Amino acid sequence: MRNNWITAAIACMGLLGLVAPAGAQMLSATRAVIAIAADDLYIGEAVGHLSGAGTLAIRAQKNPAVTCAGELTSSAALEGSGQLHCSDGSVATFQFTRLTAFTGHGVGSFGGGAMSFVYGLSAADAAPYLKLPEGKRLKYNGIELALADL
C-alpha cells in the first residue's frame, strides 16, 4: 500500500509540472556580473550549467543600448574561456578562474582594450579583481552600481 502511494505521488508531481520545462538545464546557476571594459562599467549576468557550458550577457552603464552576449565554457581545472559579441560591433575574448562553484574573476580583450570582470561577487568583494579606470572607483547607491570619481 505504501509503495502505491509513493508511485502515485511521483506521477502527480510530473503531471503538476514539477519537472524542468523542455529545454531547461537542470543544475544551472545564474550570477551577477560586474565588468570593466573600454573604461566603462558593464553589468549583467552569467548562467553556468553543470556541463561546463554557459552564457554571459552584459550592458554598458554609460550607454545601456550597448549590450553584449556570448558563450563560455569551463573545465574541471576551475578555468574557462569565452567570447562576447556586442551591439556596437565590439568583440571580447576572455578567460576566467573560478573561486568557488558560484564565483570567479577573469580578464580579456575588448575591442582592442583590456577587460576585467567578476561574477557572483558583491561590489566590495570585486575590487581586488577589477582594473578600474584611472581616478575611478565603484560606487553602489543602494539601487545601482556606477563608476564614480575618487
C-alpha atoms as a PDB file:
ATOM      1  CA  MET A   1       0.000   0.000   0.000  1.00  0.00           C
ATOM      2  CA  ARG A   2       2.808   2.405   0.893  1.00  0.00           C
ATOM      3  CA  ASN A   3       4.614   1.786  -2.439  1.00  0.00           C
ATOM      4  CA  ASN A   4       1.411   2.560  -4.345  1.00  0.00           C
ATOM      5  CA  TRP A   5       1.106   5.903  -2.538  1.00  0.00           C
ATOM      6  CA  ILE A   6       4.741   6.858  -3.361  1.00  0.00           C
ATOM      7  CA  THR A   7       4.279   5.895  -7.011  1.00  0.00           C
ATOM      8  CA  ALA A   8       1.090   7.964  -7.210  1.00  0.00           C
ATOM      9  CA  ALA A   9       2.799  10.972  -5.595  1.00  0.00           C
ATOM     10  CA  ILE A  10       5.678  10.854  -8.088  1.00  0.00           C
ATOM     11  CA  ALA A  11       3.246  10.579 -11.010  1.00  0.00           C
ATOM     12  CA  CYS A  12       1.273  13.576  -9.706  1.00  0.00           C
ATOM     13  CA  MET A  13       4.435  15.687  -9.404  1.00  0.00           C
ATOM     14  CA  GLY A  14       5.169  15.012 -13.056  1.00  0.00           C
ATOM     15  CA  LEU A  15       1.639  15.891 -14.064  1.00  0.00           C
ATOM     16  CA  LEU A  16       1.672  19.088 -11.982  1.00  0.00           C
ATOM     17  CA  GLY A  17       4.713  20.379 -13.791  1.00  0.00           C
ATOM     18  CA  LEU A  18       7.264  19.937 -11.039  1.00  0.00           C
ATOM     19  CA  VAL A  19       9.746  18.695 -13.599  1.00  0.00           C
ATOM     20  CA  ALA A  20      12.018  21.005 -15.588  1.00  0.00           C
ATOM     21  CA  PRO A  21      10.465  22.540 -18.716  1.00  0.00           C
ATOM     22  CA  ALA A  22      11.652  21.237 -22.068  1.00  0.00           C
ATOM     23  CA  GLY A  23      14.969  22.795 -22.994  1.00  0.00           C
ATOM     24  CA  ALA A  24      15.763  23.953 -19.447  1.00  0.00           C
ATOM     25  CA  GLN A  25      19.044  22.855 -17.982  1.00  0.00           C
ATOM     26  CA  MET A  26      18.785  21.386 -14.546  1.00  0.00           C
ATOM     27  CA  LEU A  27      21.600  22.145 -12.156  1.00  0.00           C
ATOM     28  CA  SER A  28      22.427  25.577 -13.527  1.00  0.00           C
ATOM     29  CA  ALA A  29      23.225  28.766 -11.653  1.00  0.00           C
ATOM     30  CA  THR A  30      22.769  32.442 -12.535  1.00  0.00           C
ATOM     31  CA  ARG A  31      25.120  35.015 -11.021  1.00  0.00           C
ATOM     32  CA  ALA A  32      25.563  38.775 -11.336  1.00  0.00           C
ATOM     33  CA  VAL A  33      28.468  40.035 -13.457  1.00  0.00           C
ATOM     34  CA  ILE A  34      30.453  43.241 -12.961  1.00  0.00           C
ATOM     35  CA  ALA A  35      32.847  44.078 -15.805  1.00  0.00           C
ATOM     36  CA  ILE A  36      35.175  46.943 -16.680  1.00  0.00           C
ATOM     37  CA  ALA A  37      35.812  47.257 -20.423  1.00  0.00           C
ATOM     38  CA  ALA A  38      36.746  50.200 -22.620  1.00  0.00           C
ATOM     39  CA  ASP A  39      36.907  52.344 -19.432  1.00  0.00           C
ATOM     40  CA  ASP A  40      33.212  51.722 -18.833  1.00  0.00           C
ATOM     41  CA  LEU A  41      31.249  49.699 -16.313  1.00  0.00           C
ATOM     42  CA  TYR A  42      29.174  46.827 -17.661  1.00  0.00           C
ATOM     43  CA  ILE A  43      26.712  44.840 -15.588  1.00  0.00           C
ATOM     44  CA  GLY A  44      24.712  41.737 -16.335  1.00  0.00           C
ATOM     45  CA  GLU A  45      24.578  38.062 -15.552  1.00  0.00           C
ATOM     46  CA  ALA A  46      26.214  34.758 -16.305  1.00  0.00           C
ATOM     47  CA  VAL A  47      24.453  31.411 -16.390  1.00  0.00           C
ATOM     48  CA  GLY A  48      26.572  28.332 -15.855  1.00  0.00           C
ATOM     49  CA  HIS A  49      25.488  24.739 -16.304  1.00  0.00           C
ATOM     50  CA  LEU A  50      26.833  21.591 -14.682  1.00  0.00           C
ATOM     51  CA  SER A  51      28.168  20.559 -18.107  1.00  0.00           C
ATOM     52  CA  GLY A  52      30.631  23.481 -18.039  1.00  0.00           C
ATOM     53  CA  ALA A  53      28.795  25.441 -20.747  1.00  0.00           C
ATOM     54  CA  GLY A  54      27.216  28.798 -20.068  1.00  0.00           C
ATOM     55  CA  THR A  55      26.149  32.191 -21.317  1.00  0.00           C
ATOM     56  CA  LEU A  56      27.079  35.740 -20.427  1.00  0.00           C
ATOM     57  CA  ALA A  57      25.074  38.924 -21.078  1.00  0.00           C
ATOM     58  CA  ILE A  58      26.154  42.435 -20.049  1.00  0.00           C
ATOM     59  CA  ARG A  59      25.193  46.037 -20.827  1.00  0.00           C
ATOM     60  CA  ALA A  60      27.108  49.303 -20.606  1.00  0.00           C
ATOM     61  CA  GLN A  61      26.240  51.682 -17.778  1.00  0.00           C
ATOM     62  CA  LYS A  62      27.110  54.838 -19.774  1.00  0.00           C
ATOM     63  CA  ASN A  63      25.033  53.745 -22.744  1.00  0.00           C
ATOM     64  CA  PRO A  64      22.580  50.923 -21.852  1.00  0.00           C
ATOM     65  CA  ALA A  65      21.841  50.483 -25.562  1.00  0.00           C
ATOM     66  CA  VAL A  66      25.253  48.775 -25.844  1.00  0.00           C
ATOM     67  CA  THR A  67      24.672  45.154 -24.961  1.00  0.00           C
ATOM     68  CA  CYS A  68      26.962  42.153 -25.247  1.00  0.00           C
ATOM     69  CA  ALA A  69      26.098  38.466 -25.270  1.00  0.00           C
ATOM     70  CA  GLY A  70      28.150  35.351 -25.658  1.00  0.00           C
ATOM     71  CA  GLU A  71      29.027  31.882 -24.550  1.00  0.00           C
ATOM     72  CA  LEU A  72      31.561  30.409 -22.185  1.00  0.00           C
ATOM     73  CA  THR A  73      32.960  27.032 -21.269  1.00  0.00           C
ATOM     74  CA  SER A  74      34.694  25.956 -18.099  1.00  0.00           C
ATOM     75  CA  SER A  75      36.762  22.925 -17.248  1.00  0.00           C
ATOM     76  CA  ALA A  76      37.249  20.719 -14.236  1.00  0.00           C
ATOM     77  CA  ALA A  77      40.545  22.595 -13.726  1.00  0.00           C
ATOM     78  CA  LEU A  78      38.483  25.575 -12.461  1.00  0.00           C
ATOM     79  CA  GLU A  79      39.290  27.673 -15.518  1.00  0.00           C
ATOM     80  CA  GLY A  80      37.304  28.713 -18.537  1.00  0.00           C
ATOM     81  CA  SER A  81      37.064  30.982 -21.552  1.00  0.00           C
ATOM     82  CA  GLY A  82      34.528  32.614 -23.785  1.00  0.00           C
ATOM     83  CA  GLN A  83      33.656  35.270 -26.297  1.00  0.00           C
ATOM     84  CA  LEU A  84      31.180  38.158 -26.368  1.00  0.00           C
ATOM     85  CA  HIS A  85      29.671  39.984 -29.335  1.00  0.00           C
ATOM     86  CA  CYS A  86      28.347  43.477 -28.676  1.00  0.00           C
ATOM     87  CA  SER A  87      25.657  45.543 -30.328  1.00  0.00           C
ATOM     88  CA  ASP A  88      28.214  48.265 -31.182  1.00  0.00           C
ATOM     89  CA  GLY A  89      30.351  45.775 -33.138  1.00  0.00           C
ATOM     90  CA  SER A  90      32.908  45.172 -30.368  1.00  0.00           C
ATOM     91  CA  VAL A  91      34.114  41.644 -29.731  1.00  0.00           C
ATOM     92  CA  ALA A  92      35.576  40.437 -26.468  1.00  0.00           C
ATOM     93  CA  THR A  93      37.505  37.275 -25.727  1.00  0.00           C
ATOM     94  CA  PHE A  94      38.129  36.333 -22.126  1.00  0.00           C
ATOM     95  CA  GLN A  95      39.492  33.769 -19.704  1.00  0.00           C
ATOM     96  CA  PHE A  96      38.295  33.236 -16.140  1.00  0.00           C
ATOM     97  CA  THR A  97      39.118  31.385 -12.968  1.00  0.00           C
ATOM     98  CA  ARG A  98      36.501  30.035 -10.602  1.00  0.00           C
ATOM     99  CA  LEU A  99      36.956  30.970  -6.954  1.00  0.00           C
ATOM    100  CA  THR A 100      34.063  28.754  -5.832  1.00  0.00           C
ATOM    101  CA  ALA A 101      31.338  26.855  -7.646  1.00  0.00           C
ATOM    102  CA  PHE A 102      29.416  30.150  -7.950  1.00  0.00           C
ATOM    103  CA  THR A 103      32.049  32.919  -8.035  1.00  0.00           C
ATOM    104  CA  GLY A 104      35.061  33.843 -10.141  1.00  0.00           C
ATOM    105  CA  HIS A 105      37.031  36.505 -11.946  1.00  0.00           C
ATOM    106  CA  GLY A 106      38.541  36.977 -15.368  1.00  0.00           C
ATOM    107  CA  VAL A 107      40.377  39.135 -17.860  1.00  0.00           C
ATOM    108  CA  GLY A 108      40.320  39.563 -21.595  1.00  0.00           C
ATOM    109  CA  SER A 109      40.478  41.850 -24.571  1.00  0.00           C
ATOM    110  CA  PHE A 110      37.572  44.065 -25.516  1.00  0.00           C
ATOM    111  CA  GLY A 111      37.572  45.900 -28.813  1.00  0.00           C
ATOM    112  CA  GLY A 112      41.347  46.353 -28.661  1.00  0.00           C
ATOM    113  CA  GLY A 113      41.421  47.297 -24.976  1.00  0.00           C
ATOM    114  CA  ALA A 114      41.534  45.412 -21.716  1.00  0.00           C
ATOM    115  CA  MET A 115      38.631  43.871 -19.865  1.00  0.00           C
ATOM    116  CA  SER A 116      38.336  42.603 -16.287  1.00  0.00           C
ATOM    117  CA  PHE A 117      35.264  41.088 -14.662  1.00  0.00           C
ATOM    118  CA  VAL A 118      33.850  39.151 -11.737  1.00  0.00           C
ATOM    119  CA  TYR A 119      30.758  37.044 -11.305  1.00  0.00           C
ATOM    120  CA  GLY A 120      28.893  36.127  -8.156  1.00  0.00           C
ATOM    121  CA  LEU A 121      30.747  38.723  -6.054  1.00  0.00           C
ATOM    122  CA  SER A 122      29.494  41.900  -4.408  1.00  0.00           C
ATOM    123  CA  ALA A 123      30.956  45.242  -5.494  1.00  0.00           C
ATOM    124  CA  ALA A 124      33.077  45.316  -2.320  1.00  0.00           C
ATOM    125  CA  ASP A 125      34.444  41.809  -2.910  1.00  0.00           C
ATOM    126  CA  ALA A 126      35.046  42.556  -6.612  1.00  0.00           C
ATOM    127  CA  ALA A 127      37.556  45.365  -6.037  1.00  0.00           C
ATOM    128  CA  PRO A 128      40.752  43.243  -5.954  1.00  0.00           C
ATOM    129  CA  TYR A 129      39.893  41.649  -9.310  1.00  0.00           C
ATOM    130  CA  LEU A 130      38.761  44.660 -11.354  1.00  0.00           C
ATOM    131  CA  LYS A 131      41.077  47.076 -13.150  1.00  0.00           C
ATOM    132  CA  LEU A 132      39.199  50.350 -12.796  1.00  0.00           C
ATOM    133  CA  PRO A 133      39.873  53.382 -14.994  1.00  0.00           C
ATOM    134  CA  GLU A 134      42.370  55.863 -13.519  1.00  0.00           C
ATOM    135  CA  GLY A 135      40.744  58.103 -10.913  1.00  0.00           C
ATOM    136  CA  LYS A 136      37.562  55.996 -10.627  1.00  0.00           C
ATOM    137  CA  ARG A 137      36.011  53.748  -8.002  1.00  0.00           C
ATOM    138  CA  LEU A 138      32.912  51.561  -7.846  1.00  0.00           C
ATOM    139  CA  LYS A 139      30.013  53.136  -6.006  1.00  0.00           C
ATOM    140  CA  TYR A 140      26.773  51.420  -5.040  1.00  0.00           C
ATOM    141  CA  ASN A 141      23.963  53.775  -4.034  1.00  0.00           C
ATOM    142  CA  GLY A 142      21.601  51.055  -2.864  1.00  0.00           C
ATOM    143  CA  ILE A 143      19.920  50.820  -6.255  1.00  0.00           C
ATOM    144  CA  GLU A 144      22.629  50.632  -8.897  1.00  0.00           C
ATOM    145  CA  LEU A 145      26.350  50.271  -9.300  1.00  0.00           C
ATOM    146  CA  ALA A 146      28.290  53.049 -11.033  1.00  0.00           C
ATOM    147  CA  LEU A 147      31.806  54.320 -11.696  1.00  0.00           C
ATOM    148  CA  ALA A 148      32.453  57.421  -9.611  1.00  0.00           C
ATOM    149  CA  ASP A 149      35.362  59.835  -9.279  1.00  0.00           C
ATOM    150  CA  LEU A 150      37.771  59.233  -6.410  1.00  0.00           C
END
